[in-house]
Amino acid sequence: MAKVGVILSGCGVFDGSEIHEAVCALLALDQAGAEVVCMAPNKPAAEVIDHLAKKPVSEKRNVLVESARIARGAIVDLATVKVTDFDAFVLPGGFGAAKNLSDFAFVGENCKVDEDVARVLRAAQSAGKPIGLACIAPVIAAQLFGKELKPILTIGHDPSTAAKINAMGAKHQATDVEEIAVDEKHRIV
């Protein structure tokens, strides 16, 4: 049985993990027989959005605590994760990937990736473990691996974000919503 780490970025499309993407990924992994472990950085969220008004609010939230909502409390601090304990990693989308797992939403292609996210994904890639990224999450792989590996990634048909992925050194592949981009050489999907 494969053991897969699912890296969450909070709870809610505008400031965390996109709930539909996270739940669908968790369901698909479960149906495939994988042992799934949810994980997230234990740090303050970059911002909190009122999802009804679609506006920032002044309250403070923690990425790990908010991610625990999706994981039904069964979640671990990403800082404690040993890559050798896992066979693959998956990152659902949602703006939390671009705000909490990286700062792409604020600075674009000059973004930085959270140090625990970077540590886990670099070690996973180096060990040849598959990495799956949905929606906006491929920008994280572009920043971490773009210059060195030039992985094939997709953001669908968003020319502005595709240009930023290419600027980070990755190769953007336009895909429709039902399609995926697979970089077999680097095991990035």
N, C-alpha and C. Protein backbone atom coordinates (compact mmCIF):
# COMPACT_ATOMS: atom_id res chain seq x y z
N MET A 1 0.85 -1.18 0.00
CA MET A 1 0.00 0.00 0.00
C MET A 1 0.89 1.24 0.00
N ALA A 2 0.66 2.14 -0.93
CA ALA A 2 1.41 3.39 -1.02
C ALA A 2 0.99 4.32 0.11
N LYS A 3 1.95 5.02 0.66
CA LYS A 3 1.68 6.03 1.69
C LYS A 3 1.91 7.39 1.04
N VAL A 4 0.84 8.20 0.99
CA VAL A 4 0.88 9.47 0.27
C VAL A 4 0.63 10.63 1.23
N GLY A 5 1.52 11.59 1.20
CA GLY A 5 1.35 12.81 1.98
C GLY A 5 0.59 13.84 1.16
N VAL A 6 -0.50 14.36 1.73
CA VAL A 6 -1.27 15.41 1.07
C VAL A 6 -1.00 16.71 1.83
N ILE A 7 -0.33 17.63 1.14
CA ILE A 7 0.07 18.90 1.76
C ILE A 7 -1.04 19.93 1.55
N LEU A 8 -1.67 20.31 2.64
CA LEU A 8 -2.77 21.27 2.61
C LEU A 8 -2.24 22.66 2.97
N SER A 9 -3.04 23.68 2.60
CA SER A 9 -2.59 25.07 2.78
C SER A 9 -3.63 25.93 3.49
N GLY A 10 -4.47 25.31 4.29
CA GLY A 10 -5.55 26.02 4.94
C GLY A 10 -6.87 25.44 4.47
N CYS A 11 -7.96 26.19 4.65
CA CYS A 11 -9.28 25.68 4.29
C CYS A 11 -10.12 26.77 3.63
N GLY A 12 -10.25 26.68 2.32
CA GLY A 12 -11.05 27.64 1.58
C GLY A 12 -10.30 28.14 0.36
N VAL A 13 -10.96 28.20 -0.76
CA VAL A 13 -10.32 28.48 -2.04
C VAL A 13 -9.54 29.80 -2.07
N PHE A 14 -10.01 30.84 -1.39
CA PHE A 14 -9.38 32.14 -1.52
C PHE A 14 -8.21 32.37 -0.57
N ASP A 15 -8.07 31.53 0.45
CA ASP A 15 -6.96 31.71 1.39
C ASP A 15 -6.37 30.40 1.91
N GLY A 16 -6.77 29.29 1.33
CA GLY A 16 -6.28 27.98 1.76
C GLY A 16 -6.41 26.97 0.65
N SER A 17 -6.54 25.70 1.03
CA SER A 17 -6.76 24.64 0.04
C SER A 17 -8.17 24.76 -0.53
N GLU A 18 -8.29 24.53 -1.83
CA GLU A 18 -9.61 24.50 -2.47
C GLU A 18 -10.26 23.21 -1.98
N ILE A 19 -11.34 23.32 -1.28
CA ILE A 19 -11.93 22.17 -0.58
C ILE A 19 -12.33 21.07 -1.54
N HIS A 20 -12.95 21.39 -2.67
CA HIS A 20 -13.34 20.35 -3.62
C HIS A 20 -12.11 19.58 -4.11
N GLU A 21 -11.05 20.30 -4.47
CA GLU A 21 -9.84 19.65 -4.95
C GLU A 21 -9.21 18.78 -3.87
N ALA A 22 -9.17 19.28 -2.66
CA ALA A 22 -8.58 18.51 -1.56
C ALA A 22 -9.39 17.24 -1.30
N VAL A 23 -10.70 17.37 -1.21
CA VAL A 23 -11.56 16.22 -0.92
C VAL A 23 -11.52 15.21 -2.07
N CYS A 24 -11.56 15.69 -3.29
CA CYS A 24 -11.50 14.78 -4.45
C CYS A 24 -10.17 14.04 -4.48
N ALA A 25 -9.08 14.73 -4.18
CA ALA A 25 -7.77 14.07 -4.13
C ALA A 25 -7.74 13.02 -3.02
N LEU A 26 -8.25 13.38 -1.86
CA LEU A 26 -8.28 12.43 -0.74
C LEU A 26 -9.13 11.21 -1.08
N LEU A 27 -10.29 11.43 -1.70
CA LEU A 27 -11.17 10.34 -2.08
C LEU A 27 -10.50 9.44 -3.13
N ALA A 28 -9.92 10.04 -4.15
CA ALA A 28 -9.27 9.25 -5.21
C ALA A 28 -8.12 8.42 -4.64
N LEU A 29 -7.34 9.00 -3.76
CA LEU A 29 -6.23 8.25 -3.16
C LEU A 29 -6.76 7.10 -2.30
N ASP A 30 -7.81 7.37 -1.53
CA ASP A 30 -8.42 6.33 -0.71
C ASP A 30 -8.97 5.20 -1.59
N GLN A 31 -9.66 5.56 -2.66
CA GLN A 31 -10.22 4.55 -3.56
C GLN A 31 -9.13 3.74 -4.26
N ALA A 32 -7.96 4.34 -4.42
CA ALA A 32 -6.83 3.63 -5.04
C ALA A 32 -6.09 2.76 -4.01
N GLY A 33 -6.53 2.80 -2.76
CA GLY A 33 -5.92 1.96 -1.73
C GLY A 33 -4.72 2.57 -1.03
N ALA A 34 -4.48 3.85 -1.22
CA ALA A 34 -3.35 4.51 -0.58
C ALA A 34 -3.64 4.80 0.89
N GLU A 35 -2.60 4.77 1.68
CA GLU A 35 -2.68 5.29 3.05
C GLU A 35 -2.37 6.77 2.93
N VAL A 36 -3.30 7.61 3.34
CA VAL A 36 -3.15 9.05 3.17
C VAL A 36 -2.85 9.71 4.51
N VAL A 37 -1.88 10.61 4.50
CA VAL A 37 -1.55 11.40 5.68
C VAL A 37 -1.62 12.87 5.27
N CYS A 38 -2.52 13.61 5.90
CA CYS A 38 -2.62 15.04 5.63
C CYS A 38 -1.59 15.78 6.47
N MET A 39 -1.05 16.83 5.90
CA MET A 39 0.00 17.61 6.57
C MET A 39 -0.09 19.05 6.11
N ALA A 40 0.43 19.96 6.93
CA ALA A 40 0.43 21.38 6.59
C ALA A 40 1.47 22.09 7.45
N PRO A 41 1.94 23.24 6.97
CA PRO A 41 2.84 24.04 7.81
C PRO A 41 2.10 24.59 9.02
N ASN A 42 2.77 24.63 10.15
CA ASN A 42 2.21 25.19 11.37
C ASN A 42 2.70 26.63 11.47
N LYS A 43 1.93 27.53 10.83
CA LYS A 43 2.32 28.94 10.78
C LYS A 43 1.09 29.80 10.54
N PRO A 44 1.22 31.10 10.77
CA PRO A 44 0.07 31.98 10.49
C PRO A 44 -0.24 32.01 8.99
N ALA A 45 -1.51 32.09 8.67
CA ALA A 45 -1.94 32.26 7.28
C ALA A 45 -1.54 33.66 6.82
N ALA A 46 -1.19 33.78 5.55
CA ALA A 46 -0.78 35.07 4.99
C ALA A 46 -1.89 36.09 5.06
N GLU A 47 -3.12 35.64 4.84
CA GLU A 47 -4.29 36.50 4.97
C GLU A 47 -5.52 35.63 5.14
N VAL A 48 -6.57 36.24 5.64
CA VAL A 48 -7.84 35.53 5.81
C VAL A 48 -8.88 36.25 4.97
N ILE A 49 -9.61 35.47 4.19
CA ILE A 49 -10.63 36.03 3.31
C ILE A 49 -12.01 35.60 3.79
N ASP A 50 -12.94 36.54 3.86
CA ASP A 50 -14.34 36.24 4.10
C ASP A 50 -14.85 35.70 2.76
N HIS A 51 -15.15 34.42 2.71
CA HIS A 51 -15.53 33.78 1.45
C HIS A 51 -16.91 34.21 0.96
N LEU A 52 -17.74 34.74 1.82
CA LEU A 52 -19.05 35.22 1.39
C LEU A 52 -18.90 36.59 0.72
N ALA A 53 -18.19 37.50 1.37
CA ALA A 53 -17.99 38.85 0.83
C ALA A 53 -16.83 38.90 -0.16
N LYS A 54 -15.99 37.85 -0.15
CA LYS A 54 -14.80 37.78 -1.01
C LYS A 54 -13.87 38.97 -0.76
N LYS A 55 -13.68 39.28 0.53
CA LYS A 55 -12.82 40.39 0.94
C LYS A 55 -11.95 39.95 2.11
N PRO A 56 -10.73 40.51 2.19
CA PRO A 56 -9.88 40.22 3.35
C PRO A 56 -10.51 40.72 4.65
N VAL A 57 -10.26 39.99 5.72
CA VAL A 57 -10.70 40.40 7.06
C VAL A 57 -9.47 40.45 7.96
N SER A 58 -9.61 41.10 9.10
CA SER A 58 -8.45 41.32 9.97
C SER A 58 -8.14 40.15 10.91
N GLU A 59 -8.99 39.15 10.96
CA GLU A 59 -8.72 38.05 11.89
C GLU A 59 -7.48 37.26 11.48
N LYS A 60 -6.91 36.54 12.42
CA LYS A 60 -5.72 35.73 12.18
C LYS A 60 -6.09 34.26 12.26
N ARG A 61 -5.48 33.46 11.39
CA ARG A 61 -5.69 32.01 11.41
C ARG A 61 -4.37 31.31 11.21
N ASN A 62 -4.33 30.03 11.60
CA ASN A 62 -3.14 29.20 11.47
C ASN A 62 -3.37 28.18 10.35
N VAL A 63 -2.39 28.01 9.48
CA VAL A 63 -2.53 27.12 8.32
C VAL A 63 -2.79 25.68 8.75
N LEU A 64 -2.06 25.17 9.74
CA LEU A 64 -2.24 23.80 10.22
C LEU A 64 -3.63 23.62 10.83
N VAL A 65 -4.03 24.55 11.66
CA VAL A 65 -5.34 24.47 12.32
C VAL A 65 -6.46 24.51 11.29
N GLU A 66 -6.36 25.39 10.32
CA GLU A 66 -7.40 25.47 9.28
C GLU A 66 -7.40 24.23 8.40
N SER A 67 -6.22 23.70 8.08
CA SER A 67 -6.13 22.48 7.27
C SER A 67 -6.75 21.30 8.00
N ALA A 68 -6.69 21.30 9.32
CA ALA A 68 -7.28 20.22 10.11
C ALA A 68 -8.79 20.12 9.90
N ARG A 69 -9.43 21.18 9.45
CA ARG A 69 -10.86 21.14 9.14
C ARG A 69 -11.13 20.14 8.02
N ILE A 70 -10.29 20.16 6.98
CA ILE A 70 -10.45 19.25 5.85
C ILE A 70 -10.07 17.83 6.27
N ALA A 71 -9.02 17.72 7.07
CA ALA A 71 -8.50 16.41 7.48
C ALA A 71 -9.25 15.81 8.66
N ARG A 72 -10.30 16.46 9.09
CA ARG A 72 -11.10 16.00 10.23
C ARG A 72 -10.23 15.80 11.47
N GLY A 73 -9.23 16.66 11.60
CA GLY A 73 -8.34 16.63 12.76
C GLY A 73 -7.15 15.72 12.63
N ALA A 74 -7.16 14.82 11.66
CA ALA A 74 -6.06 13.86 11.47
C ALA A 74 -5.02 14.49 10.56
N ILE A 75 -4.12 15.28 11.16
CA ILE A 75 -3.14 16.02 10.37
C ILE A 75 -1.84 16.14 11.15
N VAL A 76 -0.74 16.25 10.43
CA VAL A 76 0.56 16.40 11.09
C VAL A 76 1.22 17.70 10.63
N ASP A 77 2.07 18.22 11.48
CA ASP A 77 2.86 19.41 11.19
C ASP A 77 3.90 19.04 10.13
N LEU A 78 3.93 19.75 9.05
CA LEU A 78 4.86 19.47 7.95
C LEU A 78 6.31 19.46 8.42
N ALA A 79 6.63 20.23 9.44
CA ALA A 79 8.00 20.28 9.96
C ALA A 79 8.47 18.93 10.50
N THR A 80 7.53 18.06 10.87
CA THR A 80 7.89 16.76 11.45
C THR A 80 7.95 15.64 10.42
N VAL A 81 7.62 15.95 9.18
CA VAL A 81 7.52 14.92 8.14
C VAL A 81 8.88 14.46 7.67
N LYS A 82 9.05 13.12 7.65
CA LYS A 82 10.25 12.50 7.11
C LYS A 82 9.88 11.94 5.73
N VAL A 83 10.50 12.45 4.70
CA VAL A 83 10.17 12.06 3.33
C VAL A 83 10.34 10.57 3.13
N THR A 84 11.30 9.96 3.83
CA THR A 84 11.54 8.52 3.68
C THR A 84 10.35 7.68 4.11
N ASP A 85 9.43 8.25 4.87
CA ASP A 85 8.24 7.53 5.33
C ASP A 85 7.12 7.51 4.30
N PHE A 86 7.30 8.20 3.15
CA PHE A 86 6.23 8.36 2.17
C PHE A 86 6.66 7.89 0.79
N ASP A 87 5.66 7.53 -0.01
CA ASP A 87 5.90 7.09 -1.39
C ASP A 87 5.61 8.18 -2.41
N ALA A 88 4.81 9.18 -2.06
CA ALA A 88 4.43 10.26 -2.97
C ALA A 88 3.85 11.41 -2.16
N PHE A 89 3.74 12.57 -2.83
CA PHE A 89 3.15 13.76 -2.22
C PHE A 89 2.20 14.42 -3.21
N VAL A 90 1.09 14.97 -2.69
CA VAL A 90 0.08 15.64 -3.50
C VAL A 90 -0.23 16.99 -2.87
N LEU A 91 -0.31 18.02 -3.71
CA LEU A 91 -0.69 19.35 -3.26
C LEU A 91 -1.94 19.79 -4.01
N PRO A 92 -3.10 19.83 -3.33
CA PRO A 92 -4.29 20.39 -3.97
C PRO A 92 -4.07 21.89 -4.22
N GLY A 93 -4.88 22.46 -5.08
CA GLY A 93 -4.79 23.88 -5.34
C GLY A 93 -5.56 24.70 -4.33
N GLY A 94 -5.92 25.89 -4.74
CA GLY A 94 -6.49 26.88 -3.85
C GLY A 94 -5.43 27.94 -3.62
N PHE A 95 -5.86 29.18 -3.39
CA PHE A 95 -4.90 30.27 -3.26
C PHE A 95 -3.97 30.12 -2.07
N GLY A 96 -4.28 29.21 -1.14
CA GLY A 96 -3.35 28.95 -0.04
C GLY A 96 -2.01 28.44 -0.54
N ALA A 97 -2.01 27.72 -1.66
CA ALA A 97 -0.74 27.25 -2.25
C ALA A 97 0.10 28.44 -2.69
N ALA A 98 -0.57 29.51 -3.14
CA ALA A 98 0.11 30.70 -3.62
C ALA A 98 0.25 31.78 -2.54
N LYS A 99 -0.32 31.53 -1.36
CA LYS A 99 -0.23 32.50 -0.27
C LYS A 99 0.44 31.95 0.97
N ASN A 100 0.21 30.66 1.27
CA ASN A 100 0.73 30.07 2.50
C ASN A 100 1.86 29.08 2.26
N LEU A 101 1.79 28.33 1.16
CA LEU A 101 2.88 27.40 0.84
C LEU A 101 3.99 28.10 0.07
N SER A 102 3.64 29.23 -0.52
CA SER A 102 4.59 30.11 -1.20
C SER A 102 4.00 31.51 -1.11
N ASP A 103 4.74 32.48 -1.64
CA ASP A 103 4.19 33.84 -1.70
C ASP A 103 3.95 34.28 -3.15
N PHE A 104 3.70 33.30 -4.02
CA PHE A 104 3.47 33.57 -5.44
C PHE A 104 2.35 34.58 -5.67
N ALA A 105 1.28 34.51 -4.89
CA ALA A 105 0.14 35.42 -5.08
C ALA A 105 0.54 36.88 -4.89
N PHE A 106 1.60 37.11 -4.15
CA PHE A 106 2.00 38.48 -3.83
C PHE A 106 3.17 38.98 -4.69
N VAL A 107 4.06 38.07 -5.12
CA VAL A 107 5.26 38.52 -5.83
C VAL A 107 5.50 37.80 -7.16
N GLY A 108 4.61 36.91 -7.54
CA GLY A 108 4.73 36.24 -8.83
C GLY A 108 5.96 35.36 -8.95
N GLU A 109 6.61 35.43 -10.10
CA GLU A 109 7.73 34.51 -10.39
C GLU A 109 8.95 34.71 -9.50
N ASN A 110 8.98 35.76 -8.71
CA ASN A 110 10.08 35.96 -7.75
C ASN A 110 9.74 35.39 -6.38
N CYS A 111 8.78 34.49 -6.34
CA CYS A 111 8.28 33.96 -5.08
C CYS A 111 9.29 33.09 -4.35
N LYS A 112 9.00 32.93 -3.08
CA LYS A 112 9.74 32.00 -2.23
C LYS A 112 8.75 30.93 -1.79
N VAL A 113 9.27 29.72 -1.59
CA VAL A 113 8.45 28.60 -1.14
C VAL A 113 8.72 28.39 0.34
N ASP A 114 7.67 28.12 1.11
CA ASP A 114 7.81 27.82 2.53
C ASP A 114 8.93 26.80 2.71
N GLU A 115 9.78 26.99 3.71
CA GLU A 115 10.97 26.14 3.84
C GLU A 115 10.65 24.67 4.10
N ASP A 116 9.59 24.37 4.82
CA ASP A 116 9.24 22.96 5.03
C ASP A 116 8.66 22.34 3.76
N VAL A 117 7.87 23.10 3.03
CA VAL A 117 7.36 22.62 1.75
C VAL A 117 8.53 22.35 0.81
N ALA A 118 9.46 23.28 0.75
CA ALA A 118 10.64 23.12 -0.12
C ALA A 118 11.46 21.90 0.30
N ARG A 119 11.69 21.74 1.59
CA ARG A 119 12.48 20.61 2.09
C ARG A 119 11.85 19.29 1.68
N VAL A 120 10.54 19.16 1.91
CA VAL A 120 9.84 17.91 1.61
C VAL A 120 9.83 17.64 0.10
N LEU A 121 9.48 18.63 -0.70
CA LEU A 121 9.37 18.40 -2.13
C LEU A 121 10.73 18.18 -2.79
N ARG A 122 11.75 18.90 -2.34
CA ARG A 122 13.10 18.66 -2.91
C ARG A 122 13.58 17.25 -2.58
N ALA A 123 13.37 16.83 -1.35
CA ALA A 123 13.79 15.48 -0.96
C ALA A 123 12.99 14.43 -1.71
N ALA A 124 11.69 14.65 -1.87
CA ALA A 124 10.85 13.70 -2.60
C ALA A 124 11.31 13.60 -4.05
N GLN A 125 11.53 14.72 -4.69
CA GLN A 125 11.96 14.71 -6.10
C GLN A 125 13.31 14.05 -6.24
N SER A 126 14.22 14.35 -5.34
CA SER A 126 15.56 13.76 -5.37
C SER A 126 15.51 12.24 -5.21
N ALA A 127 14.54 11.76 -4.43
CA ALA A 127 14.37 10.33 -4.20
C ALA A 127 13.53 9.66 -5.27
N GLY A 128 13.07 10.42 -6.27
CA GLY A 128 12.27 9.85 -7.35
C GLY A 128 10.84 9.55 -6.97
N LYS A 129 10.34 10.21 -5.93
CA LYS A 129 8.96 9.98 -5.50
C LYS A 129 8.03 10.89 -6.30
N PRO A 130 6.90 10.38 -6.74
CA PRO A 130 5.97 11.21 -7.51
C PRO A 130 5.43 12.39 -6.70
N ILE A 131 5.24 13.51 -7.41
CA ILE A 131 4.67 14.72 -6.83
C ILE A 131 3.50 15.13 -7.71
N GLY A 132 2.31 15.25 -7.11
CA GLY A 132 1.13 15.69 -7.84
C GLY A 132 0.73 17.08 -7.38
N LEU A 133 0.42 17.95 -8.34
CA LEU A 133 0.07 19.33 -8.03
C LEU A 133 -1.17 19.73 -8.82
N ALA A 134 -2.14 20.34 -8.16
CA ALA A 134 -3.38 20.74 -8.82
C ALA A 134 -3.52 22.26 -8.85
N CYS A 135 -4.23 22.73 -9.87
CA CYS A 135 -4.63 24.12 -9.97
C CYS A 135 -3.42 25.06 -9.95
N ILE A 136 -3.29 25.93 -8.95
CA ILE A 136 -2.19 26.89 -8.87
C ILE A 136 -0.93 26.29 -8.25
N ALA A 137 -1.03 25.12 -7.62
CA ALA A 137 0.12 24.51 -6.94
C ALA A 137 1.33 24.26 -7.84
N PRO A 138 1.19 24.05 -9.15
CA PRO A 138 2.38 23.87 -9.98
C PRO A 138 3.38 25.02 -9.93
N VAL A 139 2.95 26.22 -9.53
CA VAL A 139 3.92 27.32 -9.42
C VAL A 139 4.99 27.00 -8.37
N ILE A 140 4.63 26.18 -7.39
CA ILE A 140 5.60 25.78 -6.36
C ILE A 140 6.70 24.93 -6.99
N ALA A 141 6.31 23.97 -7.82
CA ALA A 141 7.29 23.13 -8.51
C ALA A 141 8.12 23.96 -9.49
N ALA A 142 7.49 24.94 -10.13
CA ALA A 142 8.24 25.80 -11.05
C ALA A 142 9.34 26.54 -10.30
N GLN A 143 9.02 27.06 -9.12
CA GLN A 143 10.02 27.79 -8.35
C GLN A 143 11.11 26.87 -7.82
N LEU A 144 10.72 25.70 -7.32
CA LEU A 144 11.70 24.78 -6.73
C LEU A 144 12.58 24.08 -7.77
N PHE A 145 12.00 23.71 -8.90
CA PHE A 145 12.72 22.85 -9.86
C PHE A 145 12.91 23.47 -11.24
N GLY A 146 12.32 24.62 -11.50
CA GLY A 146 12.32 25.20 -12.84
C GLY A 146 13.68 25.41 -13.44
N LYS A 147 14.55 26.10 -12.75
CA LYS A 147 15.87 26.43 -13.30
C LYS A 147 16.72 25.18 -13.52
N GLU A 148 16.66 24.26 -12.59
CA GLU A 148 17.52 23.07 -12.65
C GLU A 148 16.95 21.97 -13.54
N LEU A 149 15.67 21.62 -13.34
CA LEU A 149 15.09 20.45 -14.01
C LEU A 149 14.22 20.79 -15.23
N LYS A 150 13.73 22.03 -15.28
CA LYS A 150 12.83 22.44 -16.36
C LYS A 150 11.63 21.49 -16.52
N PRO A 151 10.91 21.22 -15.44
CA PRO A 151 9.79 20.26 -15.52
C PRO A 151 8.64 20.78 -16.38
N ILE A 152 7.88 19.85 -16.91
CA ILE A 152 6.65 20.17 -17.64
C ILE A 152 5.55 20.33 -16.60
N LEU A 153 4.88 21.48 -16.63
CA LEU A 153 3.81 21.79 -15.67
C LEU A 153 2.66 22.44 -16.43
N THR A 154 1.50 22.51 -15.77
CA THR A 154 0.37 23.20 -16.39
C THR A 154 -0.37 24.05 -15.38
N ILE A 155 -0.94 25.12 -15.89
CA ILE A 155 -1.90 25.94 -15.16
C ILE A 155 -3.19 26.02 -15.99
N GLY A 156 -3.27 25.15 -16.99
CA GLY A 156 -4.42 25.15 -17.88
C GLY A 156 -4.20 26.12 -19.02
N HIS A 157 -5.11 27.10 -19.12
CA HIS A 157 -5.04 28.08 -20.21
C HIS A 157 -4.98 29.52 -19.67
N ASP A 158 -4.21 29.74 -18.63
CA ASP A 158 -4.04 31.08 -18.06
C ASP A 158 -2.71 31.64 -18.57
N PRO A 159 -2.73 32.48 -19.61
CA PRO A 159 -1.47 32.92 -20.21
C PRO A 159 -0.55 33.70 -19.27
N SER A 160 -1.12 34.47 -18.37
CA SER A 160 -0.30 35.26 -17.44
C SER A 160 0.47 34.35 -16.48
N THR A 161 -0.23 33.40 -15.87
CA THR A 161 0.45 32.48 -14.95
C THR A 161 1.37 31.54 -15.70
N ALA A 162 0.98 31.12 -16.90
CA ALA A 162 1.84 30.26 -17.72
C ALA A 162 3.15 30.97 -18.02
N ALA A 163 3.09 32.25 -18.32
CA ALA A 163 4.31 33.02 -18.59
C ALA A 163 5.21 33.07 -17.35
N LYS A 164 4.61 33.17 -16.18
CA LYS A 164 5.40 33.19 -14.94
C LYS A 164 6.03 31.83 -14.67
N ILE A 165 5.29 30.76 -14.97
CA ILE A 165 5.86 29.41 -14.83
C ILE A 165 7.06 29.26 -15.74
N ASN A 166 6.93 29.71 -16.98
CA ASN A 166 8.05 29.65 -17.92
C ASN A 166 9.21 30.54 -17.46
N ALA A 167 8.90 31.71 -16.91
CA ALA A 167 9.95 32.62 -16.42
C ALA A 167 10.75 32.00 -15.27
N MET A 168 10.11 31.10 -14.53
CA MET A 168 10.82 30.42 -13.43
C MET A 168 11.65 29.24 -13.94
N GLY A 169 11.58 28.98 -15.24
CA GLY A 169 12.42 27.94 -15.83
C GLY A 169 11.71 26.66 -16.20
N ALA A 170 10.47 26.51 -15.77
CA ALA A 170 9.70 25.31 -16.11
C ALA A 170 9.15 25.46 -17.53
N LYS A 171 8.58 24.38 -18.04
CA LYS A 171 7.96 24.40 -19.38
C LYS A 171 6.46 24.24 -19.21
N HIS A 172 5.72 25.30 -19.50
CA HIS A 172 4.27 25.22 -19.37
C HIS A 172 3.66 24.47 -20.54
N GLN A 173 2.73 23.58 -20.22
CA GLN A 173 1.97 22.84 -21.23
C GLN A 173 0.50 23.18 -21.04
N ALA A 174 -0.10 23.83 -22.03
CA ALA A 174 -1.52 24.18 -21.93
C ALA A 174 -2.35 22.91 -21.94
N THR A 175 -3.30 22.83 -21.01
CA THR A 175 -4.18 21.67 -20.92
C THR A 175 -5.61 22.14 -20.64
N ASP A 176 -6.56 21.34 -21.08
CA ASP A 176 -7.95 21.58 -20.73
C ASP A 176 -8.19 21.06 -19.31
N VAL A 177 -9.32 21.41 -18.73
CA VAL A 177 -9.62 21.06 -17.34
C VAL A 177 -9.65 19.55 -17.11
N GLU A 178 -10.00 18.78 -18.13
CA GLU A 178 -10.06 17.32 -17.98
C GLU A 178 -8.70 16.66 -18.19
N GLU A 179 -7.69 17.42 -18.56
CA GLU A 179 -6.37 16.87 -18.89
C GLU A 179 -5.37 17.15 -17.78
N ILE A 180 -4.24 16.44 -17.86
CA ILE A 180 -3.14 16.65 -16.93
C ILE A 180 -1.85 16.77 -17.72
N ALA A 181 -0.87 17.37 -17.11
CA ALA A 181 0.48 17.42 -17.69
C ALA A 181 1.32 16.46 -16.88
N VAL A 182 2.00 15.56 -17.56
CA VAL A 182 2.82 14.56 -16.87
C VAL A 182 4.27 14.72 -17.32
N ASP A 183 5.14 14.98 -16.36
CA ASP A 183 6.57 14.98 -16.62
C ASP A 183 7.10 13.65 -16.11
N GLU A 184 7.16 12.69 -17.00
CA GLU A 184 7.56 11.32 -16.61
C GLU A 184 8.99 11.29 -16.10
N LYS A 185 9.87 12.03 -16.71
CA LYS A 185 11.28 12.02 -16.30
C LYS A 185 11.45 12.44 -14.85
N HIS A 186 10.73 13.48 -14.44
CA HIS A 186 10.89 14.02 -13.09
C HIS A 186 9.79 13.56 -12.14
N ARG A 187 8.83 12.77 -12.65
CA ARG A 187 7.74 12.21 -11.84
C ARG A 187 6.90 13.28 -11.19
N ILE A 188 6.60 14.33 -11.98
CA ILE A 188 5.77 15.44 -11.53
C ILE A 188 4.51 15.46 -12.38
N VAL A 189 3.33 15.45 -11.71
CA VAL A 189 2.05 15.41 -12.42
C VAL A 189 1.24 16.63 -12.00
